[in-house]
């Protein structure tokens, strides 16, 4: 089993920035990729960005050029999502995922953190 704890969500004005963090614990030896997904009201959950254990990344088109995913150098079980130039359409609950690949999720999800971008 893998446990994931996210932090860093909040309310920000359009054009602002937020940094999300996710720490994995438990059976972390099984983790290759870690990623961030989001679910906006009335929409399906979608991939935002993912990163493999060796740093290969995959971004949704909506995130390219604005968001950066990274893993902590000292603790590879910690992943960050730096979000810049936020837009109201980025408003969603953001979920951390671990154990899948950079293209698909695994069954391990965090509890989610709310990001709200006001116009």
N, C-alpha and C. Protein backbone atom coordinates (compact mmCIF):
# COMPACT_ATOMS: atom_id res chain seq x y z
N UNK A 1 0.83 -1.20 0.00
CA UNK A 1 0.00 0.00 0.00
C UNK A 1 0.86 1.25 0.00
N UNK A 2 0.37 2.26 -0.67
CA UNK A 2 1.05 3.55 -0.74
C UNK A 2 0.09 4.62 -0.23
N UNK A 3 0.56 5.47 0.65
CA UNK A 3 -0.23 6.59 1.14
C UNK A 3 0.36 7.88 0.56
N UNK A 4 -0.55 8.77 0.16
CA UNK A 4 -0.14 10.03 -0.45
C UNK A 4 -0.81 11.19 0.29
N UNK A 5 -0.03 12.20 0.62
CA UNK A 5 -0.56 13.37 1.31
C UNK A 5 -0.16 14.61 0.52
N UNK A 6 -1.19 15.35 0.08
CA UNK A 6 -0.95 16.57 -0.70
C UNK A 6 -1.07 17.79 0.21
N UNK A 7 -0.44 18.87 -0.22
CA UNK A 7 -0.58 20.15 0.46
C UNK A 7 -0.28 21.25 -0.55
N UNK A 8 -0.68 22.47 -0.20
CA UNK A 8 -0.30 23.62 -1.00
C UNK A 8 -1.41 24.26 -1.80
N UNK A 9 -2.61 23.71 -1.77
CA UNK A 9 -3.70 24.33 -2.50
C UNK A 9 -4.15 25.62 -1.83
N UNK A 10 -5.08 26.30 -2.48
CA UNK A 10 -5.60 27.53 -1.90
C UNK A 10 -6.29 28.39 -2.93
N UNK A 11 -6.51 29.63 -2.55
CA UNK A 11 -7.18 30.61 -3.39
C UNK A 11 -6.15 31.61 -3.89
N UNK A 12 -6.15 31.86 -5.19
CA UNK A 12 -5.19 32.78 -5.78
C UNK A 12 -5.87 33.54 -6.90
N UNK A 13 -5.41 34.74 -7.16
CA UNK A 13 -5.95 35.51 -8.27
C UNK A 13 -5.35 35.04 -9.59
N UNK A 14 -6.07 35.27 -10.65
CA UNK A 14 -5.57 34.93 -11.98
C UNK A 14 -4.22 35.60 -12.21
N UNK A 15 -3.30 34.83 -12.78
CA UNK A 15 -1.94 35.32 -12.99
C UNK A 15 -0.99 34.98 -11.86
N UNK A 16 -1.54 34.50 -10.76
CA UNK A 16 -0.71 34.17 -9.62
C UNK A 16 -0.12 32.78 -9.70
N UNK A 17 0.54 32.37 -8.62
CA UNK A 17 1.24 31.10 -8.57
C UNK A 17 0.90 30.33 -7.31
N UNK A 18 1.00 29.01 -7.42
CA UNK A 18 0.87 28.11 -6.28
C UNK A 18 1.83 26.96 -6.47
N UNK A 19 2.25 26.37 -5.37
CA UNK A 19 3.11 25.19 -5.42
C UNK A 19 2.46 24.09 -4.61
N UNK A 20 2.17 22.99 -5.27
CA UNK A 20 1.61 21.82 -4.61
C UNK A 20 2.72 20.84 -4.27
N UNK A 21 2.55 20.17 -3.13
CA UNK A 21 3.50 19.14 -2.71
C UNK A 21 2.76 17.85 -2.42
N UNK A 22 3.43 16.74 -2.64
CA UNK A 22 2.85 15.43 -2.35
C UNK A 22 3.95 14.53 -1.82
N UNK A 23 3.70 13.92 -0.67
CA UNK A 23 4.66 13.01 -0.07
C UNK A 23 4.07 11.60 -0.04
N UNK A 24 4.82 10.66 -0.55
CA UNK A 24 4.40 9.26 -0.55
C UNK A 24 5.06 8.51 0.59
N UNK A 25 4.31 7.59 1.18
CA UNK A 25 4.85 6.73 2.23
C UNK A 25 4.27 5.33 2.08
N UNK A 26 4.82 4.39 2.82
CA UNK A 26 4.36 3.01 2.72
C UNK A 26 5.26 2.22 1.79
N UNK A 27 4.66 1.46 0.89
CA UNK A 27 5.43 0.59 -0.02
C UNK A 27 5.97 1.39 -1.20
N UNK A 28 6.83 2.33 -0.91
CA UNK A 28 7.29 3.26 -1.94
C UNK A 28 8.29 2.63 -2.90
N UNK A 29 8.79 1.43 -2.57
CA UNK A 29 9.74 0.77 -3.47
C UNK A 29 9.09 0.46 -4.81
N UNK A 30 7.74 0.40 -4.83
CA UNK A 30 7.03 0.06 -6.05
C UNK A 30 6.76 1.26 -6.95
N UNK A 31 7.11 2.44 -6.46
CA UNK A 31 6.78 3.66 -7.20
C UNK A 31 7.80 3.94 -8.29
N UNK A 32 7.31 4.11 -9.52
CA UNK A 32 8.14 4.64 -10.59
C UNK A 32 7.74 6.08 -10.81
N UNK A 33 6.61 6.25 -11.45
CA UNK A 33 6.16 7.61 -11.76
C UNK A 33 5.26 8.16 -10.67
N UNK A 34 5.27 9.48 -10.56
CA UNK A 34 4.32 10.20 -9.72
C UNK A 34 3.71 11.29 -10.59
N UNK A 35 2.47 11.62 -10.28
CA UNK A 35 1.82 12.60 -11.14
C UNK A 35 0.76 13.39 -10.43
N UNK A 36 0.31 14.43 -11.10
CA UNK A 36 -0.78 15.27 -10.62
C UNK A 36 -1.93 15.20 -11.61
N UNK A 37 -3.10 15.01 -11.08
CA UNK A 37 -4.33 15.00 -11.86
C UNK A 37 -5.25 16.05 -11.25
N UNK A 38 -6.27 16.42 -11.99
CA UNK A 38 -7.24 17.37 -11.44
C UNK A 38 -8.64 17.03 -11.94
N UNK A 39 -9.62 17.42 -11.11
CA UNK A 39 -11.02 17.28 -11.49
C UNK A 39 -11.72 18.60 -11.25
N UNK A 40 -12.14 19.21 -12.33
CA UNK A 40 -12.90 20.46 -12.25
C UNK A 40 -14.38 20.12 -12.09
N UNK A 41 -15.16 21.04 -11.56
CA UNK A 41 -16.60 20.78 -11.38
C UNK A 41 -17.26 20.37 -12.68
N UNK A 42 -17.97 19.24 -12.66
CA UNK A 42 -18.68 18.78 -13.82
C UNK A 42 -17.83 18.12 -14.88
N UNK A 43 -16.56 17.90 -14.59
CA UNK A 43 -15.67 17.30 -15.58
C UNK A 43 -15.01 16.05 -15.02
N UNK A 44 -14.43 15.26 -15.92
CA UNK A 44 -13.72 14.06 -15.50
C UNK A 44 -12.32 14.44 -15.02
N UNK A 45 -11.76 13.55 -14.21
CA UNK A 45 -10.39 13.75 -13.76
C UNK A 45 -9.46 13.63 -14.95
N UNK A 46 -8.46 14.52 -15.00
CA UNK A 46 -7.54 14.53 -16.12
C UNK A 46 -6.11 14.67 -15.63
N UNK A 47 -5.19 14.15 -16.43
CA UNK A 47 -3.77 14.29 -16.12
C UNK A 47 -3.34 15.74 -16.30
N UNK A 48 -2.58 16.24 -15.35
CA UNK A 48 -1.97 17.56 -15.47
C UNK A 48 -0.49 17.40 -15.84
N UNK A 49 0.23 16.62 -15.04
CA UNK A 49 1.65 16.40 -15.30
C UNK A 49 2.10 15.17 -14.53
N UNK A 50 3.10 14.49 -15.07
CA UNK A 50 3.65 13.32 -14.40
C UNK A 50 5.15 13.28 -14.65
N UNK A 51 5.86 12.59 -13.74
CA UNK A 51 7.31 12.51 -13.84
C UNK A 51 7.75 11.11 -13.42
N UNK A 52 8.69 10.56 -14.18
CA UNK A 52 9.19 9.23 -13.86
C UNK A 52 10.31 9.32 -12.83
N UNK A 53 10.78 8.17 -12.39
CA UNK A 53 11.84 8.14 -11.39
C UNK A 53 13.16 8.69 -11.93
N UNK A 54 13.30 8.74 -13.25
CA UNK A 54 14.54 9.27 -13.82
C UNK A 54 14.32 10.65 -14.42
N UNK A 55 13.17 11.25 -14.14
CA UNK A 55 12.95 12.64 -14.53
C UNK A 55 12.28 12.88 -15.86
N UNK A 56 11.82 11.84 -16.51
CA UNK A 56 11.07 12.04 -17.76
C UNK A 56 9.69 12.58 -17.41
N UNK A 57 9.25 13.59 -18.11
CA UNK A 57 7.99 14.25 -17.77
C UNK A 57 6.97 14.16 -18.90
N UNK A 58 5.73 14.32 -18.51
CA UNK A 58 4.62 14.38 -19.46
C UNK A 58 3.65 15.44 -18.95
N UNK A 59 3.28 16.37 -19.80
CA UNK A 59 2.39 17.46 -19.43
C UNK A 59 1.16 17.47 -20.32
N UNK A 60 0.03 17.84 -19.72
CA UNK A 60 -1.15 18.14 -20.52
C UNK A 60 -0.87 19.42 -21.30
N UNK A 61 -1.50 19.55 -22.45
CA UNK A 61 -1.29 20.75 -23.26
C UNK A 61 -1.62 22.01 -22.47
N UNK A 62 -2.63 21.93 -21.62
CA UNK A 62 -3.05 23.10 -20.85
C UNK A 62 -2.02 23.52 -19.82
N UNK A 63 -1.11 22.61 -19.48
CA UNK A 63 -0.11 22.88 -18.45
C UNK A 63 1.25 23.31 -19.02
N UNK A 64 1.48 22.98 -20.26
CA UNK A 64 2.78 23.27 -20.87
C UNK A 64 3.08 24.77 -20.85
N UNK A 65 4.30 25.09 -20.42
CA UNK A 65 4.72 26.49 -20.39
C UNK A 65 4.32 27.24 -19.13
N UNK A 66 3.42 26.66 -18.33
CA UNK A 66 2.97 27.33 -17.11
C UNK A 66 3.26 26.52 -15.85
N UNK A 67 3.16 25.21 -15.95
CA UNK A 67 3.35 24.33 -14.80
C UNK A 67 4.66 23.57 -14.93
N UNK A 68 5.28 23.28 -13.79
CA UNK A 68 6.49 22.48 -13.77
C UNK A 68 6.38 21.42 -12.69
N UNK A 69 6.57 20.17 -13.08
CA UNK A 69 6.56 19.08 -12.11
C UNK A 69 8.00 18.69 -11.80
N UNK A 70 8.26 18.37 -10.55
CA UNK A 70 9.61 17.98 -10.17
C UNK A 70 9.54 17.02 -8.98
N UNK A 71 10.63 16.30 -8.79
CA UNK A 71 10.74 15.41 -7.64
C UNK A 71 11.90 15.89 -6.78
N UNK A 72 11.73 15.74 -5.49
CA UNK A 72 12.77 16.17 -4.57
C UNK A 72 14.03 15.34 -4.78
N UNK A 73 15.17 16.00 -4.87
CA UNK A 73 16.42 15.29 -5.12
C UNK A 73 16.80 14.37 -3.95
N UNK A 74 16.51 14.83 -2.75
CA UNK A 74 16.89 14.04 -1.58
C UNK A 74 15.88 12.93 -1.28
N UNK A 75 14.63 13.21 -1.56
CA UNK A 75 13.57 12.23 -1.28
C UNK A 75 12.73 12.05 -2.52
N UNK A 76 13.01 11.01 -3.27
CA UNK A 76 12.32 10.79 -4.54
C UNK A 76 10.84 10.49 -4.37
N UNK A 77 10.40 10.32 -3.14
CA UNK A 77 8.98 10.05 -2.91
C UNK A 77 8.19 11.33 -2.67
N UNK A 78 8.78 12.46 -2.94
CA UNK A 78 8.12 13.75 -2.83
C UNK A 78 8.09 14.39 -4.22
N UNK A 79 6.91 14.83 -4.60
CA UNK A 79 6.75 15.45 -5.91
C UNK A 79 6.09 16.81 -5.74
N UNK A 80 6.49 17.75 -6.58
CA UNK A 80 5.97 19.10 -6.53
C UNK A 80 5.32 19.47 -7.86
N UNK A 81 4.38 20.39 -7.79
CA UNK A 81 3.82 20.98 -9.00
C UNK A 81 3.83 22.49 -8.81
N UNK A 82 4.72 23.14 -9.52
CA UNK A 82 4.78 24.61 -9.51
C UNK A 82 3.84 25.11 -10.58
N UNK A 83 2.87 25.89 -10.19
CA UNK A 83 1.87 26.39 -11.13
C UNK A 83 1.97 27.90 -11.21
N UNK A 84 2.31 28.40 -12.37
CA UNK A 84 2.44 29.83 -12.61
C UNK A 84 1.39 30.28 -13.62
N UNK A 85 1.18 31.58 -13.68
CA UNK A 85 0.21 32.16 -14.62
C UNK A 85 -1.13 31.42 -14.55
N UNK A 86 -1.61 31.25 -13.35
CA UNK A 86 -2.84 30.50 -13.16
C UNK A 86 -4.03 31.22 -13.77
N UNK A 87 -4.97 30.41 -14.26
CA UNK A 87 -6.18 30.92 -14.92
C UNK A 87 -7.40 30.39 -14.18
N UNK A 88 -8.52 31.08 -14.28
CA UNK A 88 -9.74 30.57 -13.63
C UNK A 88 -10.07 29.14 -14.04
N UNK A 89 -9.75 28.76 -15.26
CA UNK A 89 -10.06 27.39 -15.71
C UNK A 89 -9.15 26.35 -15.08
N UNK A 90 -8.15 26.78 -14.31
CA UNK A 90 -7.33 25.83 -13.56
C UNK A 90 -7.98 25.45 -12.23
N UNK A 91 -9.08 26.09 -11.91
CA UNK A 91 -9.79 25.77 -10.68
C UNK A 91 -10.25 24.32 -10.69
N UNK A 92 -9.85 23.58 -9.67
CA UNK A 92 -10.16 22.15 -9.60
C UNK A 92 -9.62 21.59 -8.29
N UNK A 93 -10.00 20.36 -8.01
CA UNK A 93 -9.34 19.60 -6.95
C UNK A 93 -8.18 18.86 -7.60
N UNK A 94 -7.01 19.05 -7.05
CA UNK A 94 -5.79 18.43 -7.60
C UNK A 94 -5.43 17.21 -6.76
N UNK A 95 -5.17 16.11 -7.45
CA UNK A 95 -4.87 14.84 -6.80
C UNK A 95 -3.47 14.37 -7.18
N UNK A 96 -2.78 13.85 -6.20
CA UNK A 96 -1.50 13.22 -6.43
C UNK A 96 -1.73 11.73 -6.70
N UNK A 97 -0.93 11.19 -7.61
CA UNK A 97 -1.01 9.76 -7.92
C UNK A 97 0.40 9.21 -7.99
N UNK A 98 0.57 7.96 -7.57
CA UNK A 98 1.89 7.34 -7.59
C UNK A 98 1.79 5.86 -7.94
N UNK A 99 2.77 5.40 -8.68
CA UNK A 99 2.84 3.98 -8.98
C UNK A 99 2.42 3.58 -10.37
N UNK A 100 1.92 4.55 -11.15
CA UNK A 100 1.56 4.24 -12.53
C UNK A 100 2.74 4.55 -13.43
N UNK A 101 2.42 5.14 -14.58
CA UNK A 101 3.47 5.63 -15.48
C UNK A 101 3.22 7.10 -15.74
N UNK A 102 4.02 7.69 -16.60
CA UNK A 102 3.80 9.11 -16.88
C UNK A 102 2.61 9.30 -17.82
N UNK A 103 2.00 8.20 -18.28
CA UNK A 103 0.86 8.28 -19.19
C UNK A 103 -0.45 7.78 -18.56
N UNK A 104 -0.38 7.01 -17.49
CA UNK A 104 -1.60 6.54 -16.86
C UNK A 104 -1.41 6.46 -15.35
N UNK A 105 -2.53 6.46 -14.65
CA UNK A 105 -2.50 6.48 -13.19
C UNK A 105 -2.52 5.08 -12.62
N UNK A 106 -2.20 5.01 -11.33
CA UNK A 106 -2.34 3.76 -10.57
C UNK A 106 -3.54 3.90 -9.64
N UNK A 107 -3.71 2.91 -8.78
CA UNK A 107 -4.86 2.96 -7.86
C UNK A 107 -4.58 3.77 -6.60
N UNK A 108 -3.37 4.31 -6.51
CA UNK A 108 -3.00 5.06 -5.30
C UNK A 108 -3.21 6.55 -5.53
N UNK A 109 -4.14 7.10 -4.74
CA UNK A 109 -4.49 8.51 -4.86
C UNK A 109 -4.39 9.20 -3.51
N UNK A 110 -4.03 10.48 -3.55
CA UNK A 110 -4.12 11.30 -2.36
C UNK A 110 -5.56 11.76 -2.15
N UNK A 111 -5.76 12.52 -1.09
CA UNK A 111 -7.12 12.97 -0.75
C UNK A 111 -7.56 14.17 -1.57
N UNK A 112 -6.61 14.81 -2.23
CA UNK A 112 -6.94 15.96 -3.06
C UNK A 112 -6.76 17.27 -2.32
N UNK A 113 -6.40 18.29 -3.07
CA UNK A 113 -6.27 19.64 -2.51
C UNK A 113 -6.93 20.62 -3.47
N UNK A 114 -7.73 21.52 -2.92
CA UNK A 114 -8.50 22.45 -3.74
C UNK A 114 -7.63 23.62 -4.21
N UNK A 115 -7.70 23.90 -5.49
CA UNK A 115 -7.09 25.09 -6.06
C UNK A 115 -8.20 25.92 -6.69
N UNK A 116 -8.31 27.15 -6.24
CA UNK A 116 -9.32 28.06 -6.76
C UNK A 116 -8.64 29.31 -7.29
N UNK A 117 -8.90 29.62 -8.55
CA UNK A 117 -8.31 30.79 -9.18
C UNK A 117 -9.42 31.78 -9.49
N UNK A 118 -9.34 32.94 -8.90
CA UNK A 118 -10.37 33.96 -9.11
C UNK A 118 -9.97 34.88 -10.25
N UNK A 119 -10.98 35.38 -10.93
CA UNK A 119 -10.72 36.25 -12.09
C UNK A 119 -10.67 37.72 -11.67
